[in-house]
Amino acid sequence: MANEHRRNWRELCSAALNARDPDELLQIAQELTKVLKREEQVRRDFREAMSPMKSAGEIRG
């Protein structure tokens, strides 16, 4: 998995526009969903970690 290239959402959207095969489009859409969920979780985790209500002990874990 370390050698696997992860495409960003912009690359995936472009690939979806160029997809000619419905199965290929479905695969791209599924990958896009995963990428967007991953990015959303990263942002949510960051906001929670930066919340002024959190103490240093809560942030560490």
C-alpha atoms as a PDB file:
ATOM      1  CA  MET A   1       0.000   0.000   0.000  1.00  0.00           C
ATOM      2  CA  ALA A   2       2.948   2.332   0.488  1.00  0.00           C
ATOM      3  CA  ASN A   3       3.550   2.325  -3.276  1.00  0.00           C
ATOM      4  CA  GLU A   4      -0.127   2.855  -4.077  1.00  0.00           C
ATOM      5  CA  HIS A   5      -0.891   6.247  -5.597  1.00  0.00           C
ATOM      6  CA  ARG A   6      -3.820   7.951  -3.907  1.00  0.00           C
ATOM      7  CA  ARG A   7      -5.639  10.323  -6.186  1.00  0.00           C
ATOM      8  CA  ASN A   8      -7.095  13.504  -4.769  1.00  0.00           C
ATOM      9  CA  TRP A   9     -10.703  14.543  -5.293  1.00  0.00           C
ATOM     10  CA  ARG A  10      -9.828  16.819  -8.201  1.00  0.00           C
ATOM     11  CA  GLU A  11      -8.121  13.998 -10.089  1.00  0.00           C
ATOM     12  CA  LEU A  12     -11.050  11.716  -9.375  1.00  0.00           C
ATOM     13  CA  CYS A  13     -13.597  14.267 -10.605  1.00  0.00           C
ATOM     14  CA  SER A  14     -11.613  14.710 -13.794  1.00  0.00           C
ATOM     15  CA  ALA A  15     -11.400  10.947 -14.246  1.00  0.00           C
ATOM     16  CA  ALA A  16     -15.170  10.672 -13.722  1.00  0.00           C
ATOM     17  CA  LEU A  17     -15.797  13.215 -16.456  1.00  0.00           C
ATOM     18  CA  ASN A  18     -13.648  11.200 -18.857  1.00  0.00           C
ATOM     19  CA  ALA A  19     -14.982   7.752 -17.898  1.00  0.00           C
ATOM     20  CA  ARG A  20     -16.757   5.984 -20.736  1.00  0.00           C
ATOM     21  CA  ASP A  21     -17.569   2.700 -19.017  1.00  0.00           C
ATOM     22  CA  PRO A  22     -20.315   2.652 -16.342  1.00  0.00           C
ATOM     23  CA  ASP A  23     -18.312   0.210 -14.217  1.00  0.00           C
ATOM     24  CA  GLU A  24     -15.281   2.495 -14.364  1.00  0.00           C
ATOM     25  CA  LEU A  25     -17.449   5.452 -13.378  1.00  0.00           C
ATOM     26  CA  LEU A  26     -18.869   3.517 -10.431  1.00  0.00           C
ATOM     27  CA  GLN A  27     -15.362   2.615  -9.224  1.00  0.00           C
ATOM     28  CA  ILE A  28     -14.261   6.256  -9.484  1.00  0.00           C
ATOM     29  CA  ALA A  29     -17.364   7.444  -7.620  1.00  0.00           C
ATOM     30  CA  GLN A  30     -16.717   4.951  -4.817  1.00  0.00           C
ATOM     31  CA  GLU A  31     -13.083   6.032  -4.548  1.00  0.00           C
ATOM     32  CA  LEU A  32     -14.162   9.688  -4.541  1.00  0.00           C
ATOM     33  CA  THR A  33     -16.570   8.999  -1.684  1.00  0.00           C
ATOM     34  CA  LYS A  34     -13.778   7.406   0.363  1.00  0.00           C
ATOM     35  CA  VAL A  35     -11.408  10.310  -0.303  1.00  0.00           C
ATOM     36  CA  LEU A  36     -13.988  12.914   0.694  1.00  0.00           C
ATOM     37  CA  LYS A  37     -14.912  11.019   3.875  1.00  0.00           C
ATOM     38  CA  ARG A  38     -11.230  10.713   4.792  1.00  0.00           C
ATOM     39  CA  GLU A  39     -10.666  14.452   4.278  1.00  0.00           C
ATOM     40  CA  GLU A  40     -13.787  15.295   6.270  1.00  0.00           C
ATOM     41  CA  GLN A  41     -12.588  13.141   9.182  1.00  0.00           C
ATOM     42  CA  VAL A  42      -9.145  14.756   9.145  1.00  0.00           C
ATOM     43  CA  ARG A  43     -10.716  18.207   9.299  1.00  0.00           C
ATOM     44  CA  ARG A  44     -13.104  17.140  12.072  1.00  0.00           C
ATOM     45  CA  ASP A  45     -10.237  15.666  14.114  1.00  0.00           C
ATOM     46  CA  PHE A  46      -8.212  18.848  13.641  1.00  0.00           C
ATOM     47  CA  ARG A  47     -11.091  21.089  14.740  1.00  0.00           C
ATOM     48  CA  GLU A  48     -11.680  18.946  17.816  1.00  0.00           C
ATOM     49  CA  ALA A  49      -7.991  18.991  18.716  1.00  0.00           C
ATOM     50  CA  MET A  50      -7.862  22.765  18.362  1.00  0.00           C
ATOM     51  CA  SER A  51     -11.026  23.383  20.340  1.00  0.00           C
ATOM     52  CA  PRO A  52     -10.363  25.859  23.190  1.00  0.00           C
ATOM     53  CA  MET A  53     -12.469  23.682  25.500  1.00  0.00           C
ATOM     54  CA  LYS A  54      -9.997  20.811  25.286  1.00  0.00           C
ATOM     55  CA  SER A  55      -7.348  20.498  27.921  1.00  0.00           C
ATOM     56  CA  ALA A  56      -3.831  19.360  27.060  1.00  0.00           C
ATOM     57  CA  GLY A  57      -4.563  15.926  28.534  1.00  0.00           C
ATOM     58  CA  GLU A  58      -7.638  15.432  26.360  1.00  0.00           C
ATOM     59  CA  ILE A  59      -5.720  16.340  23.193  1.00  0.00           C
ATOM     60  CA  ARG A  60      -2.919  13.857  23.931  1.00  0.00           C
ATOM     61  CA  GLY A  61      -5.270  11.065  24.137  1.00  0.00           C
END
